[in-house]
């Protein structure tokens, strides 16, 4: 018997939704309806510095205006930080993480040291010697927890080469079907920062597993994230959802819609008199 179809729309409350968000939300919602499955809404609000309650309220209003229904209540990531922290602790207990004290500028400088004409390699580091790390910690220096690809490769052994995910949509270069995961393309990604909490990659794989997501529907700009997320799923022994990346909705000038495009937010469209049925038709959901 096939597994139930469960998908989600997972916006961050850091700005108002725009046409691109509407296209993505409708793509997932209509896919769930066509499959007789479930559509979930997840508020990805772990960015405490940028999230705003008024933006979260607008998400609910805009989606309801579009005619999208979701299971209540919506999952708010900020209410499940213990789940994320437990996953981070599991990775740390297996020696898969290390403290990285480099600043963003230092990391970029390191990446930029590739030989002339060579493609810059993703950043990969290593734990500091114990004495140096202890001294930095005693001085209260900020650090990030990075996933060690080297340690992850050792932990998975032959399973590293078997990492793959199924793409039912298409990546930005038309990638589809069974895709071999190449987590090394992302380098040693940051999974958490001291005093900030876990990062997107870890939070999303934990939440997808806990919510039983069977199909991840999102824009093709997040296709690259599937590679490192597939590795995290393997390391944490979590299910691997099918991916269905979709094209990005573009403005007439060829650029992507962004939250700073205030003239194209759903709120501004509503204020100008645009009706939800009209917008759905414009987006191909007539």
C-alpha atoms as a PDB file:
ATOM      1  CA  UNK A   1       0.000   0.000   0.000  1.00  0.00           C
ATOM      2  CA  UNK A   2       1.533   3.360  -0.997  1.00  0.00           C
ATOM      3  CA  UNK A   3       2.529   5.784   1.742  1.00  0.00           C
ATOM      4  CA  UNK A   4       0.149   8.708   2.287  1.00  0.00           C
ATOM      5  CA  UNK A   5       0.951  11.877   0.375  1.00  0.00           C
ATOM      6  CA  UNK A   6       1.903  14.670   2.766  1.00  0.00           C
ATOM      7  CA  UNK A   7       3.418  17.958   1.666  1.00  0.00           C
ATOM      8  CA  UNK A   8       3.885  21.412   3.136  1.00  0.00           C
ATOM      9  CA  UNK A   9       4.387  25.105   2.501  1.00  0.00           C
ATOM     10  CA  UNK A  10       6.985  26.553   4.852  1.00  0.00           C
ATOM     11  CA  UNK A  11       7.333  30.358   4.698  1.00  0.00           C
ATOM     12  CA  UNK A  12       9.391  32.494   7.064  1.00  0.00           C
ATOM     13  CA  UNK A  13       7.592  35.413   8.763  1.00  0.00           C
ATOM     14  CA  UNK A  14      10.282  37.916   7.788  1.00  0.00           C
ATOM     15  CA  UNK A  15       8.256  39.835   5.228  1.00  0.00           C
ATOM     16  CA  UNK A  16       4.986  39.816   3.307  1.00  0.00           C
ATOM     17  CA  UNK A  17       4.150  37.058   0.841  1.00  0.00           C
ATOM     18  CA  UNK A  18       4.387  37.876  -2.880  1.00  0.00           C
ATOM     19  CA  UNK A  19       3.348  36.285  -6.171  1.00  0.00           C
ATOM     20  CA  UNK A  20       6.218  33.801  -6.003  1.00  0.00           C
ATOM     21  CA  UNK A  21       5.058  32.580  -2.608  1.00  0.00           C
ATOM     22  CA  UNK A  22       1.511  32.274  -3.917  1.00  0.00           C
ATOM     23  CA  UNK A  23       2.714  30.150  -6.839  1.00  0.00           C
ATOM     24  CA  UNK A  24       4.674  27.829  -4.531  1.00  0.00           C
ATOM     25  CA  UNK A  25       1.876  27.518  -1.977  1.00  0.00           C
ATOM     26  CA  UNK A  26      -0.714  26.779  -4.661  1.00  0.00           C
ATOM     27  CA  UNK A  27       1.600  24.236  -6.318  1.00  0.00           C
ATOM     28  CA  UNK A  28       1.878  22.286  -3.069  1.00  0.00           C
ATOM     29  CA  UNK A  29      -1.781  22.707  -2.122  1.00  0.00           C
ATOM     30  CA  UNK A  30      -3.093  21.546  -5.492  1.00  0.00           C
ATOM     31  CA  UNK A  31      -0.653  18.604  -5.513  1.00  0.00           C
ATOM     32  CA  UNK A  32      -2.028  17.465  -2.162  1.00  0.00           C
ATOM     33  CA  UNK A  33      -5.609  17.797  -3.391  1.00  0.00           C
ATOM     34  CA  UNK A  34      -4.843  15.871  -6.595  1.00  0.00           C
ATOM     35  CA  UNK A  35      -3.258  13.053  -4.585  1.00  0.00           C
ATOM     36  CA  UNK A  36      -6.009  12.983  -1.977  1.00  0.00           C
ATOM     37  CA  UNK A  37      -3.308  13.758   0.555  1.00  0.00           C
ATOM     38  CA  UNK A  38      -2.550  16.251   3.296  1.00  0.00           C
ATOM     39  CA  UNK A  39      -1.320  19.841   3.038  1.00  0.00           C
ATOM     40  CA  UNK A  40       0.499  21.307   6.038  1.00  0.00           C
ATOM     41  CA  UNK A  41       1.615  24.836   6.825  1.00  0.00           C
ATOM     42  CA  UNK A  42       4.853  25.305   8.744  1.00  0.00           C
ATOM     43  CA  UNK A  43       6.000  28.701   9.961  1.00  0.00           C
ATOM     44  CA  UNK A  44       9.801  28.693   9.837  1.00  0.00           C
ATOM     45  CA  UNK A  45      10.383  31.349  12.467  1.00  0.00           C
ATOM     46  CA  UNK A  46      13.744  30.405  13.972  1.00  0.00           C
ATOM     47  CA  UNK A  47      15.283  33.683  12.768  1.00  0.00           C
ATOM     48  CA  UNK A  48      14.451  35.565  15.950  1.00  0.00           C
ATOM     49  CA  UNK A  49      16.131  38.760  14.758  1.00  0.00           C
ATOM     50  CA  UNK A  50      13.976  39.137  11.635  1.00  0.00           C
ATOM     51  CA  UNK A  51      10.668  37.418  12.378  1.00  0.00           C
ATOM     52  CA  UNK A  52       7.660  39.624  13.096  1.00  0.00           C
ATOM     53  CA  UNK A  53       4.221  38.617  14.447  1.00  0.00           C
ATOM     54  CA  UNK A  54       2.528  40.873  11.915  1.00  0.00           C
ATOM     55  CA  UNK A  55       4.177  38.969   9.060  1.00  0.00           C
ATOM     56  CA  UNK A  56       3.011  35.647  10.493  1.00  0.00           C
ATOM     57  CA  UNK A  57      -0.535  36.975  10.779  1.00  0.00           C
ATOM     58  CA  UNK A  58      -0.342  38.170   7.164  1.00  0.00           C
ATOM     59  CA  UNK A  59       0.707  34.670   6.014  1.00  0.00           C
ATOM     60  CA  UNK A  60      -2.487  33.190   7.441  1.00  0.00           C
ATOM     61  CA  UNK A  61      -4.625  35.970   5.955  1.00  0.00           C
ATOM     62  CA  UNK A  62      -3.044  35.794   2.505  1.00  0.00           C
ATOM     63  CA  UNK A  63      -3.247  32.004   2.209  1.00  0.00           C
ATOM     64  CA  UNK A  64      -6.880  31.995   3.323  1.00  0.00           C
ATOM     65  CA  UNK A  65      -7.629  34.748   0.770  1.00  0.00           C
ATOM     66  CA  UNK A  66      -6.107  32.517  -1.936  1.00  0.00           C
ATOM     67  CA  UNK A  67      -8.482  29.730  -0.958  1.00  0.00           C
ATOM     68  CA  UNK A  68      -5.783  27.548   0.573  1.00  0.00           C
ATOM     69  CA  UNK A  69      -6.778  25.417   3.552  1.00  0.00           C
ATOM     70  CA  UNK A  70      -4.271  23.771   5.875  1.00  0.00           C
ATOM     71  CA  UNK A  71      -4.424  21.507   8.888  1.00  0.00           C
ATOM     72  CA  UNK A  72      -4.672  23.462  12.142  1.00  0.00           C
ATOM     73  CA  UNK A  73      -2.683  24.432  14.005  1.00  0.00           C
ATOM     74  CA  UNK A  74       0.261  25.300  11.793  1.00  0.00           C
ATOM     75  CA  UNK A  75       3.585  24.078  13.132  1.00  0.00           C
ATOM     76  CA  UNK A  76       5.786  26.909  14.351  1.00  0.00           C
ATOM     77  CA  UNK A  77       9.468  25.999  14.390  1.00  0.00           C
ATOM     78  CA  UNK A  78      10.172  28.219  17.393  1.00  0.00           C
ATOM     79  CA  UNK A  79       7.915  25.990  19.500  1.00  0.00           C
ATOM     80  CA  UNK A  80       9.987  22.893  18.738  1.00  0.00           C
ATOM     81  CA  UNK A  81      13.543  24.020  19.378  1.00  0.00           C
ATOM     82  CA  UNK A  82      14.110  21.043  21.683  1.00  0.00           C
ATOM     83  CA  UNK A  83      13.592  18.695  18.731  1.00  0.00           C
ATOM     84  CA  UNK A  84      16.261  20.531  16.750  1.00  0.00           C
ATOM     85  CA  UNK A  85      18.644  20.670  19.711  1.00  0.00           C
ATOM     86  CA  UNK A  86      18.261  16.925  20.276  1.00  0.00           C
ATOM     87  CA  UNK A  87      19.240  16.236  16.660  1.00  0.00           C
ATOM     88  CA  UNK A  88      22.263  18.517  16.991  1.00  0.00           C
ATOM     89  CA  UNK A  89      23.273  16.704  20.171  1.00  0.00           C
ATOM     90  CA  UNK A  90      23.034  13.342  18.395  1.00  0.00           C
ATOM     91  CA  UNK A  91      25.358  14.526  15.667  1.00  0.00           C
ATOM     92  CA  UNK A  92      27.767  15.977  18.196  1.00  0.00           C
ATOM     93  CA  UNK A  93      27.824  12.778  20.258  1.00  0.00           C
ATOM     94  CA  UNK A  94      28.964  10.901  17.146  1.00  0.00           C
ATOM     95  CA  UNK A  95      31.838  13.295  16.547  1.00  0.00           C
ATOM     96  CA  UNK A  96      30.276  14.733  13.395  1.00  0.00           C
ATOM     97  CA  UNK A  97      30.497  18.393  14.434  1.00  0.00           C
ATOM     98  CA  UNK A  98      33.293  20.800  15.247  1.00  0.00           C
ATOM     99  CA  UNK A  99      33.470  24.345  16.553  1.00  0.00           C
ATOM    100  CA  UNK A 100      34.441  26.851  13.889  1.00  0.00           C
ATOM    101  CA  UNK A 101      35.610  30.279  15.084  1.00  0.00           C
ATOM    102  CA  UNK A 102      36.175  31.746  11.626  1.00  0.00           C
ATOM    103  CA  UNK A 103      34.192  34.814  10.654  1.00  0.00           C
ATOM    104  CA  UNK A 104      32.213  34.898   7.426  1.00  0.00           C
ATOM    105  CA  UNK A 105      34.970  37.052   5.894  1.00  0.00           C
ATOM    106  CA  UNK A 106      37.664  34.582   6.909  1.00  0.00           C
ATOM    107  CA  UNK A 107      35.721  31.719   5.351  1.00  0.00           C
ATOM    108  CA  UNK A 108      35.257  33.657   2.105  1.00  0.00           C
ATOM    109  CA  UNK A 109      38.959  34.490   2.062  1.00  0.00           C
ATOM    110  CA  UNK A 110      39.796  30.811   2.532  1.00  0.00           C
ATOM    111  CA  UNK A 111      37.492  29.797  -0.317  1.00  0.00           C
ATOM    112  CA  UNK A 112      38.989  32.537  -2.511  1.00  0.00           C
ATOM    113  CA  UNK A 113      42.506  31.124  -2.222  1.00  0.00           C
ATOM    114  CA  UNK A 114      41.875  28.684  -5.063  1.00  0.00           C
ATOM    115  CA  UNK A 115      44.603  28.729  -7.753  1.00  0.00           C
ATOM    116  CA  UNK A 116      44.054  31.226 -10.538  1.00  0.00           C
ATOM    117  CA  UNK A 117      41.438  29.929 -12.959  1.00  0.00           C
ATOM    118  CA  UNK A 118      40.348  27.107 -10.668  1.00  0.00           C
ATOM    119  CA  UNK A 119      36.816  26.761  -9.353  1.00  0.00           C
ATOM    120  CA  UNK A 120      36.758  27.781  -5.666  1.00  0.00           C
ATOM    121  CA  UNK A 121      36.198  24.728  -3.479  1.00  0.00           C
ATOM    122  CA  UNK A 122      33.481  24.715  -0.809  1.00  0.00           C
ATOM    123  CA  UNK A 123      34.818  25.393   2.661  1.00  0.00           C
ATOM    124  CA  UNK A 124      36.017  22.440   4.696  1.00  0.00           C
ATOM    125  CA  UNK A 125      37.726  22.924   8.028  1.00  0.00           C
ATOM    126  CA  UNK A 126      38.734  20.914  11.058  1.00  0.00           C
ATOM    127  CA  UNK A 127      38.585  21.132  14.842  1.00  0.00           C
ATOM    128  CA  UNK A 128      41.185  23.348  16.473  1.00  0.00           C
ATOM    129  CA  UNK A 129      43.822  21.834  18.761  1.00  0.00           C
ATOM    130  CA  UNK A 130      42.289  21.363  22.207  1.00  0.00           C
ATOM    131  CA  UNK A 131      44.447  24.007  23.894  1.00  0.00           C
ATOM    132  CA  UNK A 132      43.647  26.675  21.297  1.00  0.00           C
ATOM    133  CA  UNK A 133      39.944  25.849  21.356  1.00  0.00           C
ATOM    134  CA  UNK A 134      39.860  26.011  25.149  1.00  0.00           C
ATOM    135  CA  UNK A 135      41.605  29.389  25.109  1.00  0.00           C
ATOM    136  CA  UNK A 136      39.122  30.805  22.610  1.00  0.00           C
ATOM    137  CA  UNK A 137      36.174  29.486  24.582  1.00  0.00           C
ATOM    138  CA  UNK A 138      37.559  30.997  27.774  1.00  0.00           C
ATOM    139  CA  UNK A 139      37.693  34.370  26.007  1.00  0.00           C
ATOM    140  CA  UNK A 140      34.038  33.988  25.043  1.00  0.00           C
ATOM    141  CA  UNK A 141      34.706  34.036  21.300  1.00  0.00           C
ATOM    142  CA  UNK A 142      31.732  33.298  19.071  1.00  0.00           C
ATOM    143  CA  UNK A 143      31.684  30.061  17.142  1.00  0.00           C
ATOM    144  CA  UNK A 144      29.460  28.000  14.887  1.00  0.00           C
ATOM    145  CA  UNK A 145      28.897  24.268  14.895  1.00  0.00           C
ATOM    146  CA  UNK A 146      29.851  22.921  11.470  1.00  0.00           C
ATOM    147  CA  UNK A 147      29.107  19.482  10.083  1.00  0.00           C
ATOM    148  CA  UNK A 148      32.364  17.718   9.246  1.00  0.00           C
ATOM    149  CA  UNK A 149      32.036  16.118   5.822  1.00  0.00           C
ATOM    150  CA  UNK A 150      35.170  14.127   6.515  1.00  0.00           C
ATOM    151  CA  UNK A 151      33.676  12.656   9.678  1.00  0.00           C
ATOM    152  CA  UNK A 152      30.325  12.090   7.958  1.00  0.00           C
ATOM    153  CA  UNK A 153      32.003  10.163   5.162  1.00  0.00           C
ATOM    154  CA  UNK A 154      33.751   7.945   7.712  1.00  0.00           C
ATOM    155  CA  UNK A 155      30.512   7.401   9.619  1.00  0.00           C
ATOM    156  CA  UNK A 156      28.570   6.281   6.547  1.00  0.00           C
ATOM    157  CA  UNK A 157      31.348   4.243   4.988  1.00  0.00           C
ATOM    158  CA  UNK A 158      30.167   2.635   1.759  1.00  0.00           C
ATOM    159  CA  UNK A 159      26.758   4.227   2.337  1.00  0.00           C
ATOM    160  CA  UNK A 160      28.214   7.596   1.359  1.00  0.00           C
ATOM    161  CA  UNK A 161      28.289   6.581  -2.301  1.00  0.00           C
ATOM    162  CA  UNK A 162      24.709   5.306  -2.126  1.00  0.00           C
ATOM    163  CA  UNK A 163      23.213   8.637  -1.022  1.00  0.00           C
ATOM    164  CA  UNK A 164      20.490   9.658  -3.465  1.00  0.00           C
ATOM    165  CA  UNK A 165      17.071  11.291  -3.634  1.00  0.00           C
ATOM    166  CA  UNK A 166      14.192  11.095  -6.084  1.00  0.00           C
ATOM    167  CA  UNK A 167      13.320  14.266  -7.990  1.00  0.00           C
ATOM    168  CA  UNK A 168       9.811  14.276  -9.434  1.00  0.00           C
ATOM    169  CA  UNK A 169      10.053  17.875 -10.602  1.00  0.00           C
ATOM    170  CA  UNK A 170      13.224  19.387 -11.995  1.00  0.00           C
ATOM    171  CA  UNK A 171      16.286  21.198 -10.769  1.00  0.00           C
ATOM    172  CA  UNK A 172      17.529  24.435 -12.351  1.00  0.00           C
ATOM    173  CA  UNK A 173      19.388  22.458 -15.032  1.00  0.00           C
ATOM    174  CA  UNK A 174      16.577  20.012 -15.666  1.00  0.00           C
ATOM    175  CA  UNK A 175      17.791  17.390 -13.177  1.00  0.00           C
ATOM    176  CA  UNK A 176      15.092  14.806 -12.577  1.00  0.00           C
ATOM    177  CA  UNK A 177      14.633  11.168 -11.606  1.00  0.00           C
ATOM    178  CA  UNK A 178      17.027   9.452  -9.214  1.00  0.00           C
ATOM    179  CA  UNK A 179      19.683  12.008  -8.269  1.00  0.00           C
ATOM    180  CA  UNK A 180      22.977  11.008  -6.704  1.00  0.00           C
ATOM    181  CA  UNK A 181      23.449  13.231  -3.655  1.00  0.00           C
ATOM    182  CA  UNK A 182      26.683  15.186  -3.604  1.00  0.00           C
ATOM    183  CA  UNK A 183      26.837  16.779  -0.157  1.00  0.00           C
ATOM    184  CA  UNK A 184      30.468  17.796  -0.649  1.00  0.00           C
ATOM    185  CA  UNK A 185      29.179  20.538  -2.974  1.00  0.00           C
ATOM    186  CA  UNK A 186      28.018  22.450   0.103  1.00  0.00           C
ATOM    187  CA  UNK A 187      31.196  22.045   2.145  1.00  0.00           C
ATOM    188  CA  UNK A 188      31.114  21.908   5.932  1.00  0.00           C
ATOM    189  CA  UNK A 189      27.797  23.652   6.456  1.00  0.00           C
ATOM    190  CA  UNK A 190      26.907  25.523   9.632  1.00  0.00           C
ATOM    191  CA  UNK A 191      24.252  23.661  11.619  1.00  0.00           C
ATOM    192  CA  UNK A 192      24.059  25.962  14.642  1.00  0.00           C
ATOM    193  CA  UNK A 193      25.520  29.130  16.098  1.00  0.00           C
ATOM    194  CA  UNK A 194      26.244  29.837  19.725  1.00  0.00           C
ATOM    195  CA  UNK A 195      23.324  31.740  21.204  1.00  0.00           C
ATOM    196  CA  UNK A 196      21.307  31.623  17.971  1.00  0.00           C
ATOM    197  CA  UNK A 197      20.158  28.024  17.603  1.00  0.00           C
ATOM    198  CA  UNK A 198      20.131  25.593  14.731  1.00  0.00           C
ATOM    199  CA  UNK A 199      20.312  26.547  11.079  1.00  0.00           C
ATOM    200  CA  UNK A 200      17.867  25.927   8.245  1.00  0.00           C
ATOM    201  CA  UNK A 201      19.276  22.628   6.951  1.00  0.00           C
ATOM    202  CA  UNK A 202      19.006  20.827  10.268  1.00  0.00           C
ATOM    203  CA  UNK A 203      15.671  22.319  11.312  1.00  0.00           C
ATOM    204  CA  UNK A 204      13.991  21.458   8.029  1.00  0.00           C
ATOM    205  CA  UNK A 205      15.006  17.779   7.936  1.00  0.00           C
ATOM    206  CA  UNK A 206      13.937  17.313  11.571  1.00  0.00           C
ATOM    207  CA  UNK A 207      10.588  19.026  11.027  1.00  0.00           C
ATOM    208  CA  UNK A 208       9.891  17.185   7.773  1.00  0.00           C
ATOM    209  CA  UNK A 209      10.474  13.870   9.552  1.00  0.00           C
ATOM    210  CA  UNK A 210       8.351  14.759  12.572  1.00  0.00           C
ATOM    211  CA  UNK A 211       5.512  15.963  10.349  1.00  0.00           C
ATOM    212  CA  UNK A 212       5.649  12.890   8.136  1.00  0.00           C
ATOM    213  CA  UNK A 213       6.350  14.862   4.956  1.00  0.00           C
ATOM    214  CA  UNK A 214       6.488  12.445   2.032  1.00  0.00           C
ATOM    215  CA  UNK A 215       6.967  14.987  -0.766  1.00  0.00           C
ATOM    216  CA  UNK A 216       8.940  18.235  -0.468  1.00  0.00           C
ATOM    217  CA  UNK A 217       7.540  20.766  -2.932  1.00  0.00           C
ATOM    218  CA  UNK A 218       9.523  23.995  -3.232  1.00  0.00           C
ATOM    219  CA  UNK A 219      11.276  26.269  -5.725  1.00  0.00           C
ATOM    220  CA  UNK A 220      14.208  25.119  -7.807  1.00  0.00           C
ATOM    221  CA  UNK A 221      16.404  27.663  -6.009  1.00  0.00           C
ATOM    222  CA  UNK A 222      16.463  25.183  -3.124  1.00  0.00           C
ATOM    223  CA  UNK A 223      17.473  22.211  -5.263  1.00  0.00           C
ATOM    224  CA  UNK A 224      21.084  22.388  -4.054  1.00  0.00           C
ATOM    225  CA  UNK A 225      19.888  22.160  -0.454  1.00  0.00           C
ATOM    226  CA  UNK A 226      18.561  18.655  -1.157  1.00  0.00           C
ATOM    227  CA  UNK A 227      22.127  17.306  -1.366  1.00  0.00           C
ATOM    228  CA  UNK A 228      23.221  18.261   2.139  1.00  0.00           C
ATOM    229  CA  UNK A 229      19.770  17.555   3.562  1.00  0.00           C
ATOM    230  CA  UNK A 230      19.940  14.015   2.177  1.00  0.00           C
ATOM    231  CA  UNK A 231      23.192  13.538   4.099  1.00  0.00           C
ATOM    232  CA  UNK A 232      21.622  14.796   7.328  1.00  0.00           C
ATOM    233  CA  UNK A 233      18.686  12.430   6.857  1.00  0.00           C
ATOM    234  CA  UNK A 234      21.115   9.530   6.549  1.00  0.00           C
ATOM    235  CA  UNK A 235      23.178  10.559   9.572  1.00  0.00           C
ATOM    236  CA  UNK A 236      20.068  11.010  11.727  1.00  0.00           C
ATOM    237  CA  UNK A 237      18.351   7.923  10.279  1.00  0.00           C
ATOM    238  CA  UNK A 238      15.364   9.973   9.120  1.00  0.00           C
ATOM    239  CA  UNK A 239      13.042   9.175   6.186  1.00  0.00           C
ATOM    240  CA  UNK A 240      13.891  10.609   2.777  1.00  0.00           C
ATOM    241  CA  UNK A 241      10.956  12.452   1.197  1.00  0.00           C
ATOM    242  CA  UNK A 242      10.565  12.635  -2.552  1.00  0.00           C
ATOM    243  CA  UNK A 243      11.481  16.062  -3.939  1.00  0.00           C
ATOM    244  CA  UNK A 244       9.393  18.012  -6.414  1.00  0.00           C
ATOM    245  CA  UNK A 245      11.155  21.276  -7.192  1.00  0.00           C
ATOM    246  CA  UNK A 246       9.259  23.703  -9.394  1.00  0.00           C
ATOM    247  CA  UNK A 247      10.184  26.617 -11.596  1.00  0.00           C
ATOM    248  CA  UNK A 248      10.522  30.060 -10.086  1.00  0.00           C
ATOM    249  CA  UNK A 249       8.002  32.718 -10.911  1.00  0.00           C
ATOM    250  CA  UNK A 250       9.821  35.679 -12.455  1.00  0.00           C
ATOM    251  CA  UNK A 251       8.992  39.359 -12.795  1.00  0.00           C
ATOM    252  CA  UNK A 252       8.680  40.877 -16.277  1.00  0.00           C
ATOM    253  CA  UNK A 253      12.331  42.008 -16.014  1.00  0.00           C
ATOM    254  CA  UNK A 254      13.423  38.394 -15.546  1.00  0.00           C
ATOM    255  CA  UNK A 255      14.335  38.729 -11.880  1.00  0.00           C
ATOM    256  CA  UNK A 256      12.838  36.688  -9.070  1.00  0.00           C
ATOM    257  CA  UNK A 257      10.148  38.129  -6.853  1.00  0.00           C
ATOM    258  CA  UNK A 258      11.507  39.174  -3.458  1.00  0.00           C
ATOM    259  CA  UNK A 259      10.010  40.329  -0.184  1.00  0.00           C
ATOM    260  CA  UNK A 260      11.351  43.812  -0.817  1.00  0.00           C
ATOM    261  CA  UNK A 261       9.082  44.092  -3.889  1.00  0.00           C
ATOM    262  CA  UNK A 262       6.310  45.757  -1.937  1.00  0.00           C
ATOM    263  CA  UNK A 263       4.240  46.544  -5.030  1.00  0.00           C
ATOM    264  CA  UNK A 264       3.815  42.828  -5.713  1.00  0.00           C
ATOM    265  CA  UNK A 265       2.960  41.568  -2.245  1.00  0.00           C
ATOM    266  CA  UNK A 266      -0.317  39.727  -1.922  1.00  0.00           C
ATOM    267  CA  UNK A 267      -1.475  42.384   0.503  1.00  0.00           C
ATOM    268  CA  UNK A 268      -0.858  45.157  -2.037  1.00  0.00           C
ATOM    269  CA  UNK A 269      -2.543  43.142  -4.793  1.00  0.00           C
ATOM    270  CA  UNK A 270      -5.580  42.669  -2.588  1.00  0.00           C
ATOM    271  CA  UNK A 271      -5.646  46.388  -1.790  1.00  0.00           C
ATOM    272  CA  UNK A 272      -5.558  47.210  -5.508  1.00  0.00           C
ATOM    273  CA  UNK A 273      -8.698  45.166  -6.100  1.00  0.00           C
ATOM    274  CA  UNK A 274      -7.208  41.952  -7.508  1.00  0.00           C
ATOM    275  CA  UNK A 275      -9.512  39.016  -6.765  1.00  0.00           C
ATOM    276  CA  UNK A 276      -8.125  35.622  -5.651  1.00  0.00           C
ATOM    277  CA  UNK A 277      -9.672  33.791  -8.614  1.00  0.00           C
ATOM    278  CA  UNK A 278      -8.001  36.259 -10.968  1.00  0.00           C
ATOM    279  CA  UNK A 279      -4.593  35.778  -9.361  1.00  0.00           C
ATOM    280  CA  UNK A 280      -4.976  32.005  -9.401  1.00  0.00           C
ATOM    281  CA  UNK A 281      -5.684  32.150 -13.135  1.00  0.00           C
ATOM    282  CA  UNK A 282      -2.644  34.373 -13.701  1.00  0.00           C
ATOM    283  CA  UNK A 283      -0.505  31.809 -11.878  1.00  0.00           C
ATOM    284  CA  UNK A 284      -1.868  28.908 -13.911  1.00  0.00           C
ATOM    285  CA  UNK A 285      -4.363  27.544 -11.371  1.00  0.00           C
ATOM    286  CA  UNK A 286      -7.584  28.643 -13.028  1.00  0.00           C
END
